[in-house]
Amino acid sequence: MNNAITTIAFDADDTLWINEPYFQEAEKQFCLLLEDYLPYHSVSQELFKTEMQNLPLYGYGVKGFMLCMVETICRISGNTAPSALIDKTIGIGHELLQKPIEVLEGVRETLESLKGKYRLIVATKGDLLDQERKLKNSGLQEYFHHIEIMSNKKESDYRKLLKHLDCRPEHFLMLGNSIKSDILPVLEIGGSAVHIPYHITWSHEQHSHHPEHDRFTKLQSMIEILDYL
């Protein structure tokens, strides 16, 4: 590992705490609500199509997901769905916004060990209020020098972050569960990246190939980063 690393950034959802299983459960509830209109798998496909169309407008997070569910209902039903169906869908979203925060195994111990040795930050996508709530309720906030809720995770977004942190790319390490968002853009700008897979990944974040790069590695759990460093 490059011993010039001074700043370590952590993705939040499905890297620090559980997230995607909650979204998949919410989607399951939603698809079951609309079975009178379309088969389950077709509803799921329609919802994903709506999410992809609206991603440039809504960004990532629960609120955009809620709006996409409502829009999907309107389209599938031809604007004939009863208001009770909309109410139930909003209820699914509200429940999602109030899920308990379950910190993943090894995260707290890792942060405790790294604290004081590196500048630790959170670099995550999502809705600002929701991510702030999750961070507060996780009990992990004290470990981080800086929290960055990003609208996206492309090369330009990471360059902007590094400029704000006054950090050169060769001193920067990103840890996350998404090859597409947490790994490839960081490697492209000259940083280092560690992939810590989670057993469930949102379709939009799935990426089948691992990069061949001397500044990239894959670990099976968060705690392994201590030996890697």
Protein backbone atom coordinates (compact mmCIF):
# COMPACT_ATOMS: atom_id res chain seq x y z
CA MET A 1 0.00 0.00 0.00
CA ASN A 2 1.13 3.55 -0.78
CA ASN A 3 2.43 4.91 2.51
CA ALA A 4 1.77 8.46 1.28
CA ILE A 5 -1.95 8.07 2.07
CA THR A 6 -3.12 10.79 4.45
CA THR A 7 -6.87 10.94 3.76
CA ILE A 8 -9.25 7.98 3.75
CA ALA A 9 -12.80 8.40 2.45
CA PHE A 10 -15.61 5.98 3.21
CA ASP A 11 -18.76 5.43 1.23
CA ALA A 12 -21.74 5.25 3.60
CA ASP A 13 -24.60 3.07 2.33
CA ASP A 14 -23.68 -0.63 2.37
CA THR A 15 -20.11 0.27 3.36
CA LEU A 16 -20.62 1.77 6.82
CA TRP A 17 -24.22 0.61 7.36
CA ILE A 18 -26.97 -1.47 5.77
CA ASN A 19 -29.02 0.25 3.08
CA GLU A 20 -29.85 -1.69 -0.11
CA PRO A 21 -31.80 -4.51 1.63
CA TYR A 22 -34.21 -1.86 2.94
CA PHE A 23 -34.73 -0.46 -0.57
CA GLN A 24 -35.29 -3.94 -1.98
CA GLU A 25 -37.88 -4.68 0.70
CA ALA A 26 -39.62 -1.38 -0.09
CA GLU A 27 -39.62 -2.22 -3.80
CA LYS A 28 -41.09 -5.63 -3.03
CA GLN A 29 -43.95 -4.03 -1.09
CA PHE A 30 -44.53 -1.59 -3.93
CA CYS A 31 -44.60 -4.28 -6.62
CA LEU A 32 -47.10 -6.31 -4.63
CA LEU A 33 -49.37 -3.25 -4.37
CA LEU A 34 -49.58 -3.07 -8.17
CA GLU A 35 -50.15 -6.73 -8.99
CA ASP A 36 -53.70 -5.94 -10.11
CA TYR A 37 -52.17 -3.91 -12.96
CA LEU A 38 -49.01 -5.82 -13.94
CA PRO A 39 -47.04 -8.91 -12.88
CA TYR A 40 -44.49 -8.36 -10.11
CA HIS A 41 -41.40 -8.45 -12.35
CA SER A 42 -42.99 -6.03 -14.84
CA VAL A 43 -43.73 -3.51 -12.09
CA SER A 44 -40.11 -3.78 -10.96
CA GLN A 45 -38.91 -3.12 -14.52
CA GLU A 46 -41.21 -0.13 -14.88
CA LEU A 47 -40.03 1.34 -11.59
CA PHE A 48 -36.38 0.97 -12.58
CA LYS A 49 -37.11 2.63 -15.92
CA THR A 50 -38.70 5.56 -14.09
CA GLU A 51 -35.74 5.83 -11.72
CA MET A 52 -33.24 5.94 -14.58
CA GLN A 53 -35.25 8.57 -16.46
CA ASN A 54 -35.49 10.77 -13.37
CA LEU A 55 -32.00 10.29 -11.97
CA PRO A 56 -30.65 13.50 -13.58
CA LEU A 57 -33.57 15.42 -12.02
CA TYR A 58 -33.96 13.84 -8.59
CA GLY A 59 -30.52 12.47 -7.87
CA TYR A 60 -30.09 9.59 -5.42
CA GLY A 61 -32.04 8.86 -2.25
CA VAL A 62 -35.38 7.95 -0.72
CA LYS A 63 -37.30 11.06 -1.75
CA GLY A 64 -36.52 10.56 -5.42
CA PHE A 65 -37.43 6.89 -5.02
CA MET A 66 -40.82 7.89 -3.56
CA LEU A 67 -41.54 10.24 -6.46
CA CYS A 68 -40.59 7.51 -8.93
CA MET A 69 -42.96 5.05 -7.27
CA VAL A 70 -45.84 7.54 -7.53
CA GLU A 71 -45.02 8.33 -11.17
CA THR A 72 -44.87 4.62 -11.96
CA ILE A 73 -48.31 4.10 -10.43
CA CYS A 74 -49.75 6.88 -12.58
CA ARG A 75 -48.22 5.46 -15.75
CA ILE A 76 -49.09 1.82 -15.10
CA SER A 77 -52.68 2.60 -14.08
CA GLY A 78 -53.26 5.20 -16.79
CA ASN A 79 -53.92 7.73 -14.02
CA THR A 80 -56.82 5.67 -12.68
CA ALA A 81 -55.20 4.35 -9.47
CA PRO A 82 -57.18 5.10 -6.29
CA SER A 83 -55.72 7.67 -3.89
CA ALA A 84 -55.39 4.93 -1.26
CA LEU A 85 -52.71 3.32 -3.44
CA ILE A 86 -50.75 6.56 -3.50
CA ASP A 87 -51.12 6.86 0.27
CA LYS A 88 -49.77 3.35 0.80
CA THR A 89 -46.82 4.10 -1.48
CA ILE A 90 -45.98 7.27 0.43
CA GLY A 91 -46.18 5.18 3.59
CA ILE A 92 -43.57 2.80 2.16
CA GLY A 93 -41.28 5.77 1.60
CA HIS A 94 -41.86 7.17 5.09
CA GLU A 95 -41.03 3.79 6.58
CA LEU A 96 -37.84 3.69 4.54
CA LEU A 97 -36.84 7.11 5.89
CA GLN A 98 -37.20 5.86 9.45
CA LYS A 99 -35.33 2.58 9.24
CA PRO A 100 -32.92 1.88 12.11
CA ILE A 101 -29.23 2.23 11.32
CA GLU A 102 -27.36 -1.06 11.49
CA VAL A 103 -23.61 -0.47 11.34
CA LEU A 104 -21.81 -3.21 9.44
CA GLU A 105 -19.46 -5.63 11.16
CA GLY A 106 -15.95 -4.35 11.79
CA VAL A 107 -16.70 -0.73 10.89
CA ARG A 108 -16.51 0.77 14.37
CA GLU A 109 -13.36 -1.14 15.27
CA THR A 110 -11.72 -0.05 12.00
CA LEU A 111 -12.55 3.61 12.51
CA GLU A 112 -11.34 3.48 16.11
CA SER A 113 -8.00 2.07 14.96
CA LEU A 114 -7.56 4.59 12.13
CA LYS A 115 -8.63 7.63 14.15
CA GLY A 116 -5.73 10.03 14.69
CA LYS A 117 -3.53 8.30 12.11
CA TYR A 118 -5.39 9.47 9.01
CA ARG A 119 -7.87 12.17 8.11
CA LEU A 120 -11.14 10.24 7.85
CA ILE A 121 -14.06 11.51 5.79
CA VAL A 122 -17.41 10.28 4.49
CA ALA A 123 -18.01 10.63 0.75
CA THR A 124 -21.46 9.36 -0.15
CA LYS A 125 -24.36 9.94 -2.51
CA GLY A 126 -27.95 10.41 -1.44
CA ASP A 127 -30.46 12.81 0.02
CA LEU A 128 -28.83 15.38 2.32
CA LEU A 129 -31.29 15.18 5.23
CA ASP A 130 -31.55 11.40 5.12
CA GLN A 131 -27.79 10.85 5.02
CA GLU A 132 -27.28 13.34 7.86
CA ARG A 133 -29.92 11.47 9.88
CA LYS A 134 -28.27 8.11 9.23
CA LEU A 135 -24.83 9.41 10.15
CA LYS A 136 -26.12 10.92 13.38
CA ASN A 137 -28.02 7.78 14.34
CA SER A 138 -25.10 5.53 13.46
CA GLY A 139 -22.98 6.96 16.28
CA LEU A 140 -20.02 7.20 13.88
CA GLN A 141 -20.00 10.95 13.33
CA GLU A 142 -17.22 11.62 15.85
CA TYR A 143 -14.70 9.70 13.74
CA PHE A 144 -14.92 11.93 10.67
CA HIS A 145 -13.09 15.13 9.88
CA HIS A 146 -15.46 15.97 7.02
CA ILE A 147 -18.80 14.76 5.62
CA GLU A 148 -19.47 15.14 1.89
CA ILE A 149 -22.97 14.33 0.61
CA MET A 150 -22.37 14.18 -3.14
CA SER A 151 -24.95 14.59 -5.89
CA ASN A 152 -22.92 12.14 -7.96
CA LYS A 153 -19.61 10.29 -7.88
CA LYS A 154 -17.93 11.02 -11.17
CA GLU A 155 -14.33 12.12 -11.73
CA SER A 156 -15.30 15.80 -11.59
CA ASP A 157 -17.05 15.26 -8.24
CA TYR A 158 -13.97 13.66 -6.72
CA ARG A 159 -11.72 16.39 -8.08
CA LYS A 160 -13.97 18.98 -6.46
CA LEU A 161 -13.83 17.06 -3.17
CA LEU A 162 -10.04 16.79 -3.22
CA LYS A 163 -9.73 20.49 -3.98
CA HIS A 164 -11.96 21.27 -1.00
CA LEU A 165 -9.86 19.00 1.21
CA ASP A 166 -6.61 20.41 -0.21
CA CYS A 167 -5.53 16.82 -0.84
CA ARG A 168 -3.48 15.53 -3.75
CA PRO A 169 -4.86 12.39 -5.45
CA GLU A 170 -1.81 10.29 -4.49
CA HIS A 171 -2.60 10.97 -0.82
CA PHE A 172 -6.26 9.90 -1.16
CA LEU A 173 -7.81 6.47 -0.56
CA MET A 174 -11.49 5.65 -1.17
CA LEU A 175 -13.28 2.65 0.36
CA GLY A 176 -16.65 1.52 -0.95
CA ASN A 177 -18.91 -1.23 -2.20
CA SER A 178 -19.51 0.12 -5.72
CA ILE A 179 -16.91 -0.41 -8.43
CA LYS A 180 -18.77 2.08 -10.62
CA SER A 181 -19.03 4.93 -8.09
CA ASP A 182 -16.35 4.37 -5.45
CA ILE A 183 -13.50 2.80 -7.39
CA LEU A 184 -13.21 3.65 -11.10
CA PRO A 185 -13.51 7.47 -10.86
CA VAL A 186 -10.96 7.61 -8.01
CA LEU A 187 -8.43 5.52 -9.91
CA GLU A 188 -8.98 7.68 -12.98
CA ILE A 189 -7.97 10.86 -11.16
CA GLY A 190 -4.87 9.27 -9.61
CA GLY A 191 -6.15 8.17 -6.22
CA SER A 192 -6.20 4.74 -4.58
CA ALA A 193 -9.32 2.65 -4.04
CA VAL A 194 -10.39 -0.41 -2.08
CA HIS A 195 -13.48 -2.40 -3.03
CA ILE A 196 -15.34 -3.97 -0.10
CA PRO A 197 -18.26 -5.81 -1.73
CA TYR A 198 -21.70 -6.02 -0.19
CA HIS A 199 -23.85 -9.05 -0.96
CA ILE A 200 -26.61 -6.92 -2.55
CA THR A 201 -25.98 -4.14 -5.07
CA TRP A 202 -28.52 -1.88 -6.76
CA SER A 203 -28.81 -2.68 -10.47
CA HIS A 204 -27.63 0.79 -11.46
CA GLU A 205 -24.38 0.33 -9.49
CA GLN A 206 -23.53 -3.16 -10.73
CA HIS A 207 -20.27 -3.53 -12.64
CA SER A 208 -19.01 -6.92 -13.80
CA HIS A 209 -15.29 -6.23 -14.24
CA HIS A 210 -12.67 -5.42 -11.62
CA PRO A 211 -9.98 -2.97 -12.69
CA GLU A 212 -6.42 -4.11 -13.25
CA HIS A 213 -4.57 -1.40 -11.40
CA ASP A 214 -1.71 -1.17 -8.91
CA ARG A 215 -3.67 1.33 -6.81
CA PHE A 216 -6.70 -0.95 -6.52
CA THR A 217 -7.43 -3.87 -4.25
CA LYS A 218 -10.43 -5.88 -3.16
CA LEU A 219 -11.03 -6.88 0.46
CA GLN A 220 -13.76 -9.04 1.93
CA SER A 221 -14.45 -6.97 5.05
CA MET A 222 -13.79 -3.52 6.43
CA ILE A 223 -11.47 -4.72 9.19
CA GLU A 224 -9.00 -6.07 6.59
CA ILE A 225 -8.04 -2.52 5.66
CA LEU A 226 -5.94 -2.33 8.82
CA ASP A 227 -3.57 -5.03 7.56
CA TYR A 228 -3.63 -3.59 4.05
CA LEU A 229 -2.53 -0.18 5.24
